[in-house]
Protein backbone atom coordinates (compact mmCIF):
# COMPACT_ATOMS: atom_id res chain seq x y z
CA UNK A 1 51.30 55.19 -14.55
CA UNK A 2 50.46 53.00 -17.49
CA UNK A 3 50.67 52.46 -21.19
CA UNK A 4 48.93 50.52 -23.91
CA UNK A 5 51.14 48.60 -26.33
CA UNK A 6 50.23 47.35 -29.79
CA UNK A 7 52.23 45.23 -32.20
CA UNK A 8 52.38 46.74 -35.72
CA UNK A 9 49.38 44.81 -37.04
CA UNK A 10 47.46 44.59 -33.77
CA UNK A 11 47.98 40.86 -33.29
CA UNK A 12 49.40 41.47 -29.83
CA UNK A 13 48.16 44.05 -27.36
CA UNK A 14 49.16 44.73 -23.82
CA UNK A 15 48.58 47.15 -20.97
CA UNK A 16 51.51 48.03 -18.72
CA UNK A 17 51.01 49.38 -15.22
CA UNK A 18 53.48 50.80 -12.75
CA UNK A 19 52.40 51.91 -9.31
CA UNK A 20 54.41 54.63 -7.62
CA UNK A 21 53.98 56.22 -4.21
CA UNK A 22 52.88 59.83 -4.43
CA UNK A 23 53.18 61.92 -7.57
CA UNK A 24 54.81 60.60 -10.73
CA UNK A 25 58.24 62.15 -11.22
CA UNK A 26 60.81 62.09 -14.01
CA UNK A 27 62.72 59.17 -12.52
CA UNK A 28 59.51 57.11 -12.51
CA UNK A 29 58.89 57.91 -16.17
CA UNK A 30 62.46 56.99 -17.12
CA UNK A 31 62.27 53.70 -15.20
CA UNK A 32 58.92 52.92 -16.82
CA UNK A 33 60.38 53.49 -20.30
CA UNK A 34 63.33 51.23 -19.48
CA UNK A 35 60.97 48.51 -18.28
CA UNK A 36 58.87 48.85 -21.41
CA UNK A 37 61.99 48.35 -23.49
CA UNK A 38 62.86 45.21 -21.50
CA UNK A 39 59.41 43.76 -22.18
CA UNK A 40 59.21 45.02 -25.75
CA UNK A 41 62.69 44.79 -27.26
CA UNK A 42 63.28 46.68 -30.45
CA UNK A 43 62.19 50.14 -31.52
CA UNK A 44 59.31 51.71 -29.60
CA UNK A 45 57.03 54.57 -30.56
CA UNK A 46 55.56 56.23 -27.48
CA UNK A 47 52.62 58.59 -27.77
CA UNK A 48 52.12 60.71 -24.71
CA UNK A 49 50.73 63.92 -23.34
CA UNK A 50 52.66 66.89 -22.02
CA UNK A 51 52.51 66.37 -18.26
CA UNK A 52 55.51 67.81 -16.41
CA UNK A 53 57.48 64.55 -15.91
CA UNK A 54 57.28 63.94 -19.68
CA UNK A 55 58.81 67.36 -20.39
CA UNK A 56 61.46 67.46 -17.68
CA UNK A 57 65.13 67.94 -18.51
CA UNK A 58 66.01 64.51 -17.06
CA UNK A 59 63.39 62.78 -19.21
CA UNK A 60 64.41 64.68 -22.34
CA UNK A 61 68.08 63.78 -21.77
CA UNK A 62 67.16 60.11 -21.39
CA UNK A 63 65.04 60.17 -24.54
CA UNK A 64 67.87 61.76 -26.55
CA UNK A 65 70.16 58.86 -25.61
CA UNK A 66 67.56 56.10 -26.09
CA UNK A 67 67.96 55.46 -29.82
CA UNK A 68 65.31 52.73 -29.65
CA UNK A 69 62.67 55.28 -28.61
CA UNK A 70 60.60 57.64 -30.74
CA UNK A 71 58.25 60.07 -28.98
CA UNK A 72 55.10 61.61 -30.36
CA UNK A 73 53.60 64.30 -28.17
CA UNK A 74 49.86 64.82 -28.19
CA UNK A 75 48.41 68.31 -28.36
CA UNK A 76 47.57 69.97 -25.07
CA UNK A 77 44.15 69.22 -23.58
CA UNK A 78 43.41 66.34 -25.95
CA UNK A 79 42.96 63.23 -23.76
CA UNK A 80 40.52 61.82 -26.32
CA UNK A 81 43.53 61.25 -28.62
CA UNK A 82 45.38 59.13 -26.06
CA UNK A 83 44.54 55.38 -26.10
CA UNK A 84 45.67 54.94 -22.50
CA UNK A 85 42.82 57.19 -21.36
CA UNK A 86 40.44 54.40 -22.40
CA UNK A 87 42.26 52.05 -20.06
CA UNK A 88 42.04 54.54 -17.20
CA UNK A 89 38.33 54.95 -17.87
CA UNK A 90 37.88 51.16 -17.83
CA UNK A 91 39.76 50.94 -14.50
CA UNK A 92 37.58 53.65 -12.99
CA UNK A 93 34.31 52.10 -14.21
CA UNK A 94 34.97 48.41 -13.63
CA UNK A 95 37.70 48.09 -11.01
CA UNK A 96 37.86 50.92 -8.51
CA UNK A 97 34.52 52.69 -8.90
CA UNK A 98 33.15 51.49 -5.55
CA UNK A 99 36.34 50.02 -4.14
CA UNK A 100 37.51 51.21 -0.73
CA UNK A 101 40.68 49.31 0.22
CA UNK A 102 42.15 49.13 3.70
CA UNK A 103 45.58 50.20 2.46
CA UNK A 104 48.01 50.11 -0.43
CA UNK A 105 48.41 46.32 -0.40
CA UNK A 106 44.82 45.45 -1.34
CA UNK A 107 44.75 48.31 -3.86
CA UNK A 108 47.94 47.11 -5.58
CA UNK A 109 46.66 43.51 -5.73
CA UNK A 110 43.34 44.61 -7.19
CA UNK A 111 44.97 46.83 -9.82
CA UNK A 112 47.43 44.11 -10.86
CA UNK A 113 44.69 41.48 -11.14
CA UNK A 114 42.66 43.92 -13.23
CA UNK A 115 45.68 44.49 -15.48
CA UNK A 116 45.83 40.74 -16.12
CA UNK A 117 42.12 40.72 -16.98
CA UNK A 118 42.57 43.66 -19.31
CA UNK A 119 45.53 42.03 -21.05
CA UNK A 120 43.34 39.03 -21.90
CA UNK A 121 40.85 41.31 -23.68
CA UNK A 122 42.61 42.17 -26.94
CA UNK A 123 39.44 43.58 -28.49
CA UNK A 124 39.02 46.02 -25.60
CA UNK A 125 42.61 47.27 -25.90
CA UNK A 126 42.15 47.66 -29.66
CA UNK A 127 38.93 49.55 -28.93
CA UNK A 128 40.89 52.10 -26.89
CA UNK A 129 43.11 52.68 -29.92
CA UNK A 130 40.15 52.91 -32.31
CA UNK A 131 38.29 55.38 -30.07
CA UNK A 132 41.34 57.65 -30.04
CA UNK A 133 41.20 57.86 -33.83
CA UNK A 134 44.61 56.22 -34.21
CA UNK A 135 45.19 53.12 -36.31
CA UNK A 136 47.83 50.50 -36.93
CA UNK A 137 49.46 49.81 -40.31
């Protein structure tokens, strides 16, 4: 699972990645949000889609108690409005398109190295935001 992060005026951008075994569940989402808050102290606005772990009772309870967190839910079937979809597209095109690892270890290393590359490309991360039609103040 992943997320794109933007400072209010776009001076700082970042892509966060968390690899989980199997399907993403509520506890993974909650842990990811906690880790985001550790890396990005202060109030966070999270824009996300309506996949099941985002709508689960456990996630909703956590969000209610996390006063530092504001959620904005995207409409159903609108991935073009989600900036993180640009990052996933970039990963598919440039990182794993023809990659056939011999196990989870090489895959995890490759994805983490790619995340570092992506985080050095501020203009690309801003492009994901622009393509979604969203803007910063």
